[in-house]
Amino acid sequence: NRYDELYVERDGVLSRHPAVFSSDRSVLGVIERIVSPLGRRIDESS
């Protein structure tokens, strides 16, 4: 949901997970690492 708020679904039930990212920039870096090899992009215009 944001860098310090992470949920998982296990056996169909949602629960909060203790893991967190260090910052918004860290989440954005992960997103870019996922989409870049596929030729897709994410920025303010998209």
All heavy atoms as atom14 arrays in JSON, in Angstrom:
{
  "sequence": "NRYDELYVERDGVLSRHPAVFSSDRSVLGVIERIVSPLGRRIDESS",
  "atom14_mask": [
    [1, 1, 1, 1, 1, 1, 1, 1, 0, 0, 0, 0, 0, 0],
    [1, 1, 1, 1, 1, 1, 1, 1, 1, 1, 1, 0, 0, 0],
    [1, 1, 1, 1, 1, 1, 1, 1, 1, 1, 1, 1, 0, 0],
    [1, 1, 1, 1, 1, 1, 1, 1, 0, 0, 0, 0, 0, 0],
    [1, 1, 1, 1, 1, 1, 1, 1, 1, 0, 0, 0, 0, 0],
    [1, 1, 1, 1, 1, 1, 1, 1, 0, 0, 0, 0, 0, 0],
    [1, 1, 1, 1, 1, 1, 1, 1, 1, 1, 1, 1, 0, 0],
    [1, 1, 1, 1, 1, 1, 1, 0, 0, 0, 0, 0, 0, 0],
    [1, 1, 1, 1, 1, 1, 1, 1, 1, 0, 0, 0, 0, 0],
    [1, 1, 1, 1, 1, 1, 1, 1, 1, 1, 1, 0, 0, 0],
    [1, 1, 1, 1, 1, 1, 1, 1, 0, 0, 0, 0, 0, 0],
    [1, 1, 1, 1, 0, 0, 0, 0, 0, 0, 0, 0, 0, 0],
    [1, 1, 1, 1, 1, 1, 1, 0, 0, 0, 0, 0, 0, 0],
    [1, 1, 1, 1, 1, 1, 1, 1, 0, 0, 0, 0, 0, 0],
    [1, 1, 1, 1, 1, 1, 0, 0, 0, 0, 0, 0, 0, 0],
    [1, 1, 1, 1, 1, 1, 1, 1, 1, 1, 1, 0, 0, 0],
    [1, 1, 1, 1, 1, 1, 1, 1, 1, 1, 0, 0, 0, 0],
    [1, 1, 1, 1, 1, 1, 1, 0, 0, 0, 0, 0, 0, 0],
    [1, 1, 1, 1, 1, 0, 0, 0, 0, 0, 0, 0, 0, 0],
    [1, 1, 1, 1, 1, 1, 1, 0, 0, 0, 0, 0, 0, 0],
    [1, 1, 1, 1, 1, 1, 1, 1, 1, 1, 1, 0, 0, 0],
    [1, 1, 1, 1, 1, 1, 0, 0, 0, 0, 0, 0, 0, 0],
    [1, 1, 1, 1, 1, 1, 0, 0, 0, 0, 0, 0, 0, 0],
    [1, 1, 1, 1, 1, 1, 1, 1, 0, 0, 0, 0, 0, 0],
    [1, 1, 1, 1, 1, 1, 1, 1, 1, 1, 1, 0, 0, 0],
    [1, 1, 1, 1, 1, 1, 0, 0, 0, 0, 0, 0, 0, 0],
    [1, 1, 1, 1, 1, 1, 1, 0, 0, 0, 0, 0, 0, 0],
    [1, 1, 1, 1, 1, 1, 1, 1, 0, 0, 0, 0, 0, 0],
    [1, 1, 1, 1, 0, 0, 0, 0, 0, 0, 0, 0, 0, 0],
    [1, 1, 1, 1, 1, 1, 1, 0, 0, 0, 0, 0, 0, 0],
    [1, 1, 1, 1, 1, 1, 1, 1, 0, 0, 0, 0, 0, 0],
    [1, 1, 1, 1, 1, 1, 1, 1, 1, 0, 0, 0, 0, 0],
    [1, 1, 1, 1, 1, 1, 1, 1, 1, 1, 1, 0, 0, 0],
    [1, 1, 1, 1, 1, 1, 1, 1, 0, 0, 0, 0, 0, 0],
    [1, 1, 1, 1, 1, 1, 1, 0, 0, 0, 0, 0, 0, 0],
    [1, 1, 1, 1, 1, 1, 0, 0, 0, 0, 0, 0, 0, 0],
    [1, 1, 1, 1, 1, 1, 1, 0, 0, 0, 0, 0, 0, 0],
    [1, 1, 1, 1, 1, 1, 1, 1, 0, 0, 0, 0, 0, 0],
    [1, 1, 1, 1, 0, 0, 0, 0, 0, 0, 0, 0, 0, 0],
    [1, 1, 1, 1, 1, 1, 1, 1, 1, 1, 1, 0, 0, 0],
    [1, 1, 1, 1, 1, 1, 1, 1, 1, 1, 1, 0, 0, 0],
    [1, 1, 1, 1, 1, 1, 1, 1, 0, 0, 0, 0, 0, 0],
    [1, 1, 1, 1, 1, 1, 1, 1, 0, 0, 0, 0, 0, 0],
    [1, 1, 1, 1, 1, 1, 1, 1, 1, 0, 0, 0, 0, 0],
    [1, 1, 1, 1, 1, 1, 0, 0, 0, 0, 0, 0, 0, 0],
    [1, 1, 1, 1, 1, 1, 0, 0, 0, 0, 0, 0, 0, 0]
  ],
  "atom14_positions": [
    [[0.83, -1.21, 0.0], [0.0, 0.0, 0.0], [0.86, 1.26, 0.0], [0.49, 2.26, -0.59], [-0.92, 0.02, 1.22], [-1.94, -1.1, 1.18], [-2.11, -1.76, 0.15], [-2.63, -1.32, 2.29], [0.0, 0.0, 0.0], [0.0, 0.0, 0.0], [0.0, 0.0, 0.0], [0.0, 0.0, 0.0], [0.0, 0.0, 0.0], [0.0, 0.0, 0.0]],
    [[1.97, 1.19, 0.72], [3.02, 2.21, 0.7], [4.28, 1.55, 1.22], [4.25, 0.36, 1.56], [2.62, 3.44, 1.51], [2.4, 3.19, 2.98], [1.98, 4.46, 3.69], [2.1, 4.32, 5.13], [1.77, 5.27, 5.99], [1.3, 6.42, 5.54], [1.9, 5.08, 7.29], [0.0, 0.0, 0.0], [0.0, 0.0, 0.0], [0.0, 0.0, 0.0]],
    [[5.37, 2.29, 1.31], [6.65, 1.64, 1.58], [6.69, 0.9, 2.92], [7.39, -0.1, 3.07], [7.8, 2.66, 1.49], [7.95, 3.57, 2.69], [8.79, 3.24, 3.75], [7.23, 4.76, 2.78], [8.93, 4.07, 4.85], [7.36, 5.61, 3.87], [8.21, 5.25, 4.9], [8.34, 6.08, 5.99], [0.0, 0.0, 0.0], [0.0, 0.0, 0.0]],
    [[5.92, 1.37, 3.93], [5.96, 0.73, 5.24], [4.66, -0.01, 5.58], [4.37, -0.26, 6.74], [6.27, 1.77, 6.33], [5.23, 2.89, 6.37], [4.41, 2.96, 5.43], [5.25, 3.69, 7.33], [0.0, 0.0, 0.0], [0.0, 0.0, 0.0], [0.0, 0.0, 0.0], [0.0, 0.0, 0.0], [0.0, 0.0, 0.0], [0.0, 0.0, 0.0]],
    [[3.89, -0.33, 4.55], [2.6, -1.02, 4.78], [2.44, -2.11, 3.73], [2.17, -1.83, 2.57], [1.46, 0.0, 4.69], [0.12, -0.52, 5.17], [-0.94, 0.57, 5.13], [-0.71, 1.67, 5.69], [-1.99, 0.33, 4.51], [0.0, 0.0, 0.0], [0.0, 0.0, 0.0], [0.0, 0.0, 0.0], [0.0, 0.0, 0.0], [0.0, 0.0, 0.0]],
    [[2.6, -3.36, 4.15], [2.64, -4.48, 3.21], [1.69, -5.58, 3.7], [1.74, -5.97, 4.88], [4.08, -4.99, 3.11], [4.45, -5.88, 1.95], [5.93, -5.72, 1.62], [4.19, -7.35, 2.28], [0.0, 0.0, 0.0], [0.0, 0.0, 0.0], [0.0, 0.0, 0.0], [0.0, 0.0, 0.0], [0.0, 0.0, 0.0], [0.0, 0.0, 0.0]],
    [[0.83, -6.07, 2.83], [-0.12, -7.14, 3.16], [0.12, -8.33, 2.24], [0.58, -8.17, 1.1], [-1.56, -6.66, 2.99], [-2.03, -5.73, 4.09], [-1.7, -4.38, 4.06], [-2.8, -6.2, 5.15], [-2.12, -3.51, 5.07], [-3.23, -5.36, 6.16], [-2.89, -4.02, 6.11], [-3.32, -3.18, 7.11], [0.0, 0.0, 0.0], [0.0, 0.0, 0.0]],
    [[-0.23, -9.53, 2.74], [-0.13, -10.74, 1.92], [-1.43, -11.52, 2.06], [-2.16, -11.38, 3.05], [1.07, -11.63, 2.34], [2.38, -10.9, 2.15], [0.91, -12.12, 3.78], [0.0, 0.0, 0.0], [0.0, 0.0, 0.0], [0.0, 0.0, 0.0], [0.0, 0.0, 0.0], [0.0, 0.0, 0.0], [0.0, 0.0, 0.0], [0.0, 0.0, 0.0]],
    [[-1.71, -12.34, 1.04], [-2.84, -13.26, 1.1], [-2.28, -14.68, 1.22], [-1.49, -15.12, 0.4], [-3.7, -13.15, -0.17], [-4.9, -14.08, -0.15], [-5.66, -14.1, -1.46], [-5.13, -14.68, -2.43], [-6.76, -13.52, -1.52], [0.0, 0.0, 0.0], [0.0, 0.0, 0.0], [0.0, 0.0, 0.0], [0.0, 0.0, 0.0], [0.0, 0.0, 0.0]],
    [[-2.73, -15.37, 2.27], [-2.3, -16.75, 2.5], [-3.56, -17.6, 2.74], [-4.35, -17.27, 3.63], [-1.37, -16.82, 3.71], [-0.64, -18.15, 3.88], [0.13, -18.17, 5.19], [1.21, -17.2, 5.21], [2.44, -17.44, 4.78], [2.75, -18.62, 4.28], [3.37, -16.49, 4.86], [0.0, 0.0, 0.0], [0.0, 0.0, 0.0], [0.0, 0.0, 0.0]],
    [[-3.75, -18.62, 1.91], [-4.94, -19.47, 2.0], [-6.23, -18.66, 1.91], [-7.21, -18.93, 2.61], [-4.93, -20.3, 3.3], [-3.74, -21.25, 3.38], [-3.35, -21.77, 2.32], [-3.22, -21.47, 4.48], [0.0, 0.0, 0.0], [0.0, 0.0, 0.0], [0.0, 0.0, 0.0], [0.0, 0.0, 0.0], [0.0, 0.0, 0.0], [0.0, 0.0, 0.0]],
    [[-6.19, -17.62, 1.08], [-7.38, -16.82, 0.86], [-7.65, -15.76, 1.91], [-8.65, -15.03, 1.81], [0.0, 0.0, 0.0], [0.0, 0.0, 0.0], [0.0, 0.0, 0.0], [0.0, 0.0, 0.0], [0.0, 0.0, 0.0], [0.0, 0.0, 0.0], [0.0, 0.0, 0.0], [0.0, 0.0, 0.0], [0.0, 0.0, 0.0], [0.0, 0.0, 0.0]],
    [[-6.78, -15.64, 2.93], [-7.0, -14.69, 4.02], [-5.91, -13.61, 3.99], [-4.73, -13.92, 3.9], [-6.99, -15.41, 5.39], [-7.2, -14.41, 6.52], [-8.07, -16.48, 5.42], [0.0, 0.0, 0.0], [0.0, 0.0, 0.0], [0.0, 0.0, 0.0], [0.0, 0.0, 0.0], [0.0, 0.0, 0.0], [0.0, 0.0, 0.0], [0.0, 0.0, 0.0]],
    [[-6.33, -12.33, 4.08], [-5.39, -11.22, 4.07], [-4.85, -10.96, 5.47], [-5.59, -11.02, 6.46], [-6.07, -9.95, 3.57], [-6.42, -9.88, 2.08], [-7.15, -8.58, 1.78], [-5.18, -9.99, 1.23], [0.0, 0.0, 0.0], [0.0, 0.0, 0.0], [0.0, 0.0, 0.0], [0.0, 0.0, 0.0], [0.0, 0.0, 0.0], [0.0, 0.0, 0.0]],
    [[-3.56, -10.64, 5.55], [-2.96, -10.26, 6.83], [-1.79, -9.33, 6.57], [-1.17, -9.36, 5.5], [-2.48, -11.5, 7.59], [-1.49, -12.2, 6.84], [0.0, 0.0, 0.0], [0.0, 0.0, 0.0], [0.0, 0.0, 0.0], [0.0, 0.0, 0.0], [0.0, 0.0, 0.0], [0.0, 0.0, 0.0], [0.0, 0.0, 0.0], [0.0, 0.0, 0.0]],
    [[-1.5, -8.47, 7.56], [-0.37, -7.55, 7.41], [0.94, -8.28, 7.68], [1.02, -9.14, 8.56], [-0.52, -6.38, 8.38], [0.54, -5.31, 8.16], [0.15, -3.98, 8.74], [1.17, -2.98, 8.49], [1.02, -1.7, 8.75], [-0.12, -1.25, 9.28], [1.99, -0.84, 8.49], [0.0, 0.0, 0.0], [0.0, 0.0, 0.0], [0.0, 0.0, 0.0]],
    [[1.96, -7.95, 6.89], [3.27, -8.59, 7.02], [4.25, -7.59, 7.63], [4.21, -6.41, 7.31], [3.76, -9.05, 5.64], [4.88, -10.04, 5.7], [6.2, -9.65, 5.84], [4.88, -11.4, 5.69], [6.96, -10.73, 5.87], [6.19, -11.8, 5.78], [0.0, 0.0, 0.0], [0.0, 0.0, 0.0], [0.0, 0.0, 0.0], [0.0, 0.0, 0.0]],
    [[5.14, -8.05, 8.51], [6.06, -7.1, 9.16], [7.11, -6.5, 8.24], [7.73, -5.49, 8.58], [6.7, -7.95, 10.26], [6.54, -9.37, 9.81], [5.26, -9.41, 9.05], [0.0, 0.0, 0.0], [0.0, 0.0, 0.0], [0.0, 0.0, 0.0], [0.0, 0.0, 0.0], [0.0, 0.0, 0.0], [0.0, 0.0, 0.0], [0.0, 0.0, 0.0]],
    [[7.35, -7.1, 7.09], [8.39, -6.58, 6.19], [8.02, -5.18, 5.69], [6.85, -4.87, 5.48], [8.58, -7.52, 5.0], [0.0, 0.0, 0.0], [0.0, 0.0, 0.0], [0.0, 0.0, 0.0], [0.0, 0.0, 0.0], [0.0, 0.0, 0.0], [0.0, 0.0, 0.0], [0.0, 0.0, 0.0], [0.0, 0.0, 0.0], [0.0, 0.0, 0.0]],
    [[9.03, -4.33, 5.51], [8.82, -2.97, 5.0], [9.95, -2.59, 4.04], [11.03, -3.18, 4.07], [8.76, -1.92, 6.14], [7.56, -2.15, 7.03], [10.05, -1.92, 6.96], [0.0, 0.0, 0.0], [0.0, 0.0, 0.0], [0.0, 0.0, 0.0], [0.0, 0.0, 0.0], [0.0, 0.0, 0.0], [0.0, 0.0, 0.0], [0.0, 0.0, 0.0]],
    [[9.68, -1.6, 3.19], [10.73, -1.0, 2.37], [11.35, 0.16, 3.15], [10.77, 0.64, 4.12], [10.13, -0.47, 1.07], [9.76, -1.54, 0.07], [8.52, -2.17, 0.14], [10.63, -1.92, -0.94], [8.16, -3.15, -0.77], [10.29, -2.9, -1.86], [9.05, -3.51, -1.78], [0.0, 0.0, 0.0], [0.0, 0.0, 0.0], [0.0, 0.0, 0.0]],
    [[12.49, 0.61, 2.7], [13.17, 1.7, 3.41], [12.58, 3.06, 3.06], [12.65, 3.99, 3.88], [14.67, 1.68, 3.09], [14.88, 1.82, 1.68], [0.0, 0.0, 0.0], [0.0, 0.0, 0.0], [0.0, 0.0, 0.0], [0.0, 0.0, 0.0], [0.0, 0.0, 0.0], [0.0, 0.0, 0.0], [0.0, 0.0, 0.0], [0.0, 0.0, 0.0]],
    [[12.0, 3.2, 1.85], [11.47, 4.51, 1.44], [10.6, 4.34, 0.19], [10.59, 3.26, -0.43], [12.61, 5.47, 1.12], [13.34, 4.99, -0.01], [0.0, 0.0, 0.0], [0.0, 0.0, 0.0], [0.0, 0.0, 0.0], [0.0, 0.0, 0.0], [0.0, 0.0, 0.0], [0.0, 0.0, 0.0], [0.0, 0.0, 0.0], [0.0, 0.0, 0.0]],
    [[9.9, 5.41, -0.18], [9.13, 5.41, -1.43], [10.05, 5.17, -2.62], [9.69, 4.49, -3.58], [8.4, 6.74, -1.61], [7.17, 6.84, -0.72], [6.73, 5.8, -0.21], [6.67, 7.96, -0.53], [0.0, 0.0, 0.0], [0.0, 0.0, 0.0], [0.0, 0.0, 0.0], [0.0, 0.0, 0.0], [0.0, 0.0, 0.0], [0.0, 0.0, 0.0]],
    [[11.24, 5.75, -2.57], [12.2, 5.6, -3.66], [12.57, 4.14, -3.87], [12.76, 3.68, -5.0], [13.44, 6.43, -3.33], [14.56, 6.41, -4.33], [14.16, 7.04, -5.63], [14.16, 6.07, -6.71], [13.81, 6.32, -7.94], [13.4, 7.51, -8.28], [13.84, 5.38, -8.85], [0.0, 0.0, 0.0], [0.0, 0.0, 0.0], [0.0, 0.0, 0.0]],
    [[12.65, 3.39, -2.77], [12.98, 1.97, -2.86], [11.87, 1.19, -3.56], [12.13, 0.33, -4.4], [13.2, 1.41, -1.45], [13.4, 0.02, -1.49], [0.0, 0.0, 0.0], [0.0, 0.0, 0.0], [0.0, 0.0, 0.0], [0.0, 0.0, 0.0], [0.0, 0.0, 0.0], [0.0, 0.0, 0.0], [0.0, 0.0, 0.0], [0.0, 0.0, 0.0]],
    [[10.59, 1.5, -3.23], [9.47, 0.84, -3.9], [9.48, 1.17, -5.39], [9.29, 0.3, -6.24], [8.12, 1.28, -3.27], [6.97, 0.54, -3.95], [8.11, 1.01, -1.78], [0.0, 0.0, 0.0], [0.0, 0.0, 0.0], [0.0, 0.0, 0.0], [0.0, 0.0, 0.0], [0.0, 0.0, 0.0], [0.0, 0.0, 0.0], [0.0, 0.0, 0.0]],
    [[9.73, 2.44, -5.7], [9.76, 2.87, -7.1], [10.87, 2.16, -7.86], [10.7, 1.76, -9.03], [9.95, 4.39, -7.17], [9.62, 5.09, -8.47], [8.19, 4.79, -8.91], [9.82, 6.58, -8.34], [0.0, 0.0, 0.0], [0.0, 0.0, 0.0], [0.0, 0.0, 0.0], [0.0, 0.0, 0.0], [0.0, 0.0, 0.0], [0.0, 0.0, 0.0]],
    [[12.03, 1.96, -7.2], [13.13, 1.24, -7.85], [12.76, -0.2, -8.17], [13.11, -0.72, -9.24], [0.0, 0.0, 0.0], [0.0, 0.0, 0.0], [0.0, 0.0, 0.0], [0.0, 0.0, 0.0], [0.0, 0.0, 0.0], [0.0, 0.0, 0.0], [0.0, 0.0, 0.0], [0.0, 0.0, 0.0], [0.0, 0.0, 0.0], [0.0, 0.0, 0.0]],
    [[12.03, -0.86, -7.26], [11.58, -2.23, -7.49], [10.62, -2.28, -8.67], [10.7, -3.15, -9.54], [10.93, -2.81, -6.22], [10.15, -4.08, -6.53], [11.98, -3.1, -5.17], [0.0, 0.0, 0.0], [0.0, 0.0, 0.0], [0.0, 0.0, 0.0], [0.0, 0.0, 0.0], [0.0, 0.0, 0.0], [0.0, 0.0, 0.0], [0.0, 0.0, 0.0]],
    [[9.67, -1.32, -8.72], [8.71, -1.27, -9.82], [9.43, -1.1, -11.16], [9.13, -1.79, -12.14], [7.69, -0.13, -9.6], [6.83, -0.42, -8.38], [6.81, 0.06, -10.84], [5.95, 0.75, -7.95], [0.0, 0.0, 0.0], [0.0, 0.0, 0.0], [0.0, 0.0, 0.0], [0.0, 0.0, 0.0], [0.0, 0.0, 0.0], [0.0, 0.0, 0.0]],
    [[10.41, -0.21, -11.19], [11.15, 0.02, -12.44], [11.94, -1.21, -12.85], [12.07, -1.52, -14.04], [12.08, 1.23, -12.27], [11.31, 2.56, -12.24], [12.18, 3.73, -11.86], [13.32, 3.5, -11.4], [11.72, 4.88, -12.01], [0.0, 0.0, 0.0], [0.0, 0.0, 0.0], [0.0, 0.0, 0.0], [0.0, 0.0, 0.0], [0.0, 0.0, 0.0]],
    [[12.49, -1.96, -11.87], [13.22, -3.18, -12.21], [12.3, -4.25, -12.78], [12.74, -5.11, -13.53], [13.97, -3.7, -10.97], [15.29, -3.0, -10.72], [16.16, -3.77, -9.74], [15.69, -3.63, -8.38], [16.01, -2.63, -7.57], [16.79, -1.65, -8.02], [15.55, -2.57, -6.34], [0.0, 0.0, 0.0], [0.0, 0.0, 0.0], [0.0, 0.0, 0.0]],
    [[11.02, -4.21, -12.39], [10.06, -5.19, -12.92], [9.64, -4.83, -14.34], [9.6, -5.69, -15.23], [8.82, -5.27, -12.0], [9.2, -5.91, -10.65], [7.71, -6.08, -12.67], [8.08, -5.85, -9.61], [0.0, 0.0, 0.0], [0.0, 0.0, 0.0], [0.0, 0.0, 0.0], [0.0, 0.0, 0.0], [0.0, 0.0, 0.0], [0.0, 0.0, 0.0]],
    [[9.34, -3.55, -14.58], [8.72, -3.17, -15.86], [9.74, -2.9, -16.96], [9.43, -3.08, -18.14], [7.79, -1.94, -15.68], [6.72, -2.23, -14.65], [8.56, -0.68, -15.32], [0.0, 0.0, 0.0], [0.0, 0.0, 0.0], [0.0, 0.0, 0.0], [0.0, 0.0, 0.0], [0.0, 0.0, 0.0], [0.0, 0.0, 0.0], [0.0, 0.0, 0.0]],
    [[10.95, -2.47, -16.62], [11.94, -2.1, -17.65], [12.29, -3.24, -18.6], [12.31, -3.04, -19.82], [13.21, -1.55, -16.99], [12.92, -0.36, -16.32], [0.0, 0.0, 0.0], [0.0, 0.0, 0.0], [0.0, 0.0, 0.0], [0.0, 0.0, 0.0], [0.0, 0.0, 0.0], [0.0, 0.0, 0.0], [0.0, 0.0, 0.0], [0.0, 0.0, 0.0]],
    [[12.55, -4.47, -18.12], [12.89, -5.55, -19.07], [11.76, -5.89, -20.03], [12.0, -6.51, -21.07], [13.19, -6.75, -18.15], [13.49, -6.16, -16.82], [12.66, -4.93, -16.72], [0.0, 0.0, 0.0], [0.0, 0.0, 0.0], [0.0, 0.0, 0.0], [0.0, 0.0, 0.0], [0.0, 0.0, 0.0], [0.0, 0.0, 0.0], [0.0, 0.0, 0.0]],
    [[10.52, -5.51, -19.7], [9.38, -5.82, -20.56], [9.1, -4.72, -21.57], [8.14, -4.79, -22.34], [8.12, -6.03, -19.7], [8.23, -7.12, -18.62], [6.98, -7.12, -17.76], [8.43, -8.48, -19.27], [0.0, 0.0, 0.0], [0.0, 0.0, 0.0], [0.0, 0.0, 0.0], [0.0, 0.0, 0.0], [0.0, 0.0, 0.0], [0.0, 0.0, 0.0]],
    [[9.93, -3.67, -21.57], [9.72, -2.57, -22.51], [8.6, -1.65, -22.08], [8.08, -0.88, -22.9], [0.0, 0.0, 0.0], [0.0, 0.0, 0.0], [0.0, 0.0, 0.0], [0.0, 0.0, 0.0], [0.0, 0.0, 0.0], [0.0, 0.0, 0.0], [0.0, 0.0, 0.0], [0.0, 0.0, 0.0], [0.0, 0.0, 0.0], [0.0, 0.0, 0.0]],
    [[8.2, -1.72, -20.81], [7.14, -0.85, -20.32], [7.76, 0.23, -19.43], [8.9, 0.1, -19.0], [6.09, -1.65, -19.55], [5.56, -2.82, -20.37], [4.2, -3.26, -20.01], [3.71, -4.26, -20.97], [2.46, -4.66, -21.05], [1.56, -4.16, -20.24], [2.11, -5.56, -21.95], [0.0, 0.0, 0.0], [0.0, 0.0, 0.0], [0.0, 0.0, 0.0]],
    [[7.0, 1.27, -19.16], [7.56, 2.36, -18.37], [6.54, 2.86, -17.38], [5.33, 2.66, -17.53], [7.98, 3.52, -19.31], [6.82, 4.14, -20.03], [7.26, 5.08, -21.14], [6.12, 5.66, -21.82], [5.51, 6.78, -21.47], [5.96, 7.46, -20.43], [4.48, 7.25, -22.14], [0.0, 0.0, 0.0], [0.0, 0.0, 0.0], [0.0, 0.0, 0.0]],
    [[7.05, 3.5, -16.33], [6.18, 4.13, -15.34], [6.83, 5.45, -14.93], [8.0, 5.48, -14.55], [5.93, 3.19, -14.14], [4.86, 3.78, -13.22], [7.21, 2.85, -13.4], [4.25, 2.78, -12.26], [0.0, 0.0, 0.0], [0.0, 0.0, 0.0], [0.0, 0.0, 0.0], [0.0, 0.0, 0.0], [0.0, 0.0, 0.0], [0.0, 0.0, 0.0]],
    [[6.11, 6.52, -15.09], [6.57, 7.86, -14.7], [5.35, 8.75, -14.54], [4.22, 8.28, -14.61], [7.56, 8.42, -15.74], [7.01, 8.36, -17.15], [5.81, 8.65, -17.34], [7.77, 8.02, -18.08], [0.0, 0.0, 0.0], [0.0, 0.0, 0.0], [0.0, 0.0, 0.0], [0.0, 0.0, 0.0], [0.0, 0.0, 0.0], [0.0, 0.0, 0.0]],
    [[5.56, 10.06, -14.35], [4.43, 10.95, -14.1], [3.48, 11.02, -15.28], [2.27, 11.2, -15.11], [4.94, 12.36, -13.76], [5.44, 12.48, -12.33], [5.62, 13.92, -11.91], [5.15, 14.82, -12.64], [6.23, 14.16, -10.87], [0.0, 0.0, 0.0], [0.0, 0.0, 0.0], [0.0, 0.0, 0.0], [0.0, 0.0, 0.0], [0.0, 0.0, 0.0]],
    [[3.99, 10.87, -16.49], [3.12, 10.93, -17.67], [2.37, 9.62, -17.88], [1.34, 9.57, -18.54], [3.94, 11.27, -18.92], [4.89, 10.25, -19.16], [0.0, 0.0, 0.0], [0.0, 0.0, 0.0], [0.0, 0.0, 0.0], [0.0, 0.0, 0.0], [0.0, 0.0, 0.0], [0.0, 0.0, 0.0], [0.0, 0.0, 0.0], [0.0, 0.0, 0.0]],
    [[2.89, 8.52, -17.32], [2.24, 7.21, -17.42], [2.35, 6.52, -16.06], [3.18, 5.64, -15.85], [2.93, 6.37, -18.5], [2.35, 5.1, -18.6], [0.0, 0.0, 0.0], [0.0, 0.0, 0.0], [0.0, 0.0, 0.0], [0.0, 0.0, 0.0], [0.0, 0.0, 0.0], [0.0, 0.0, 0.0], [0.0, 0.0, 0.0], [0.0, 0.0, 0.0]]
  ]
}
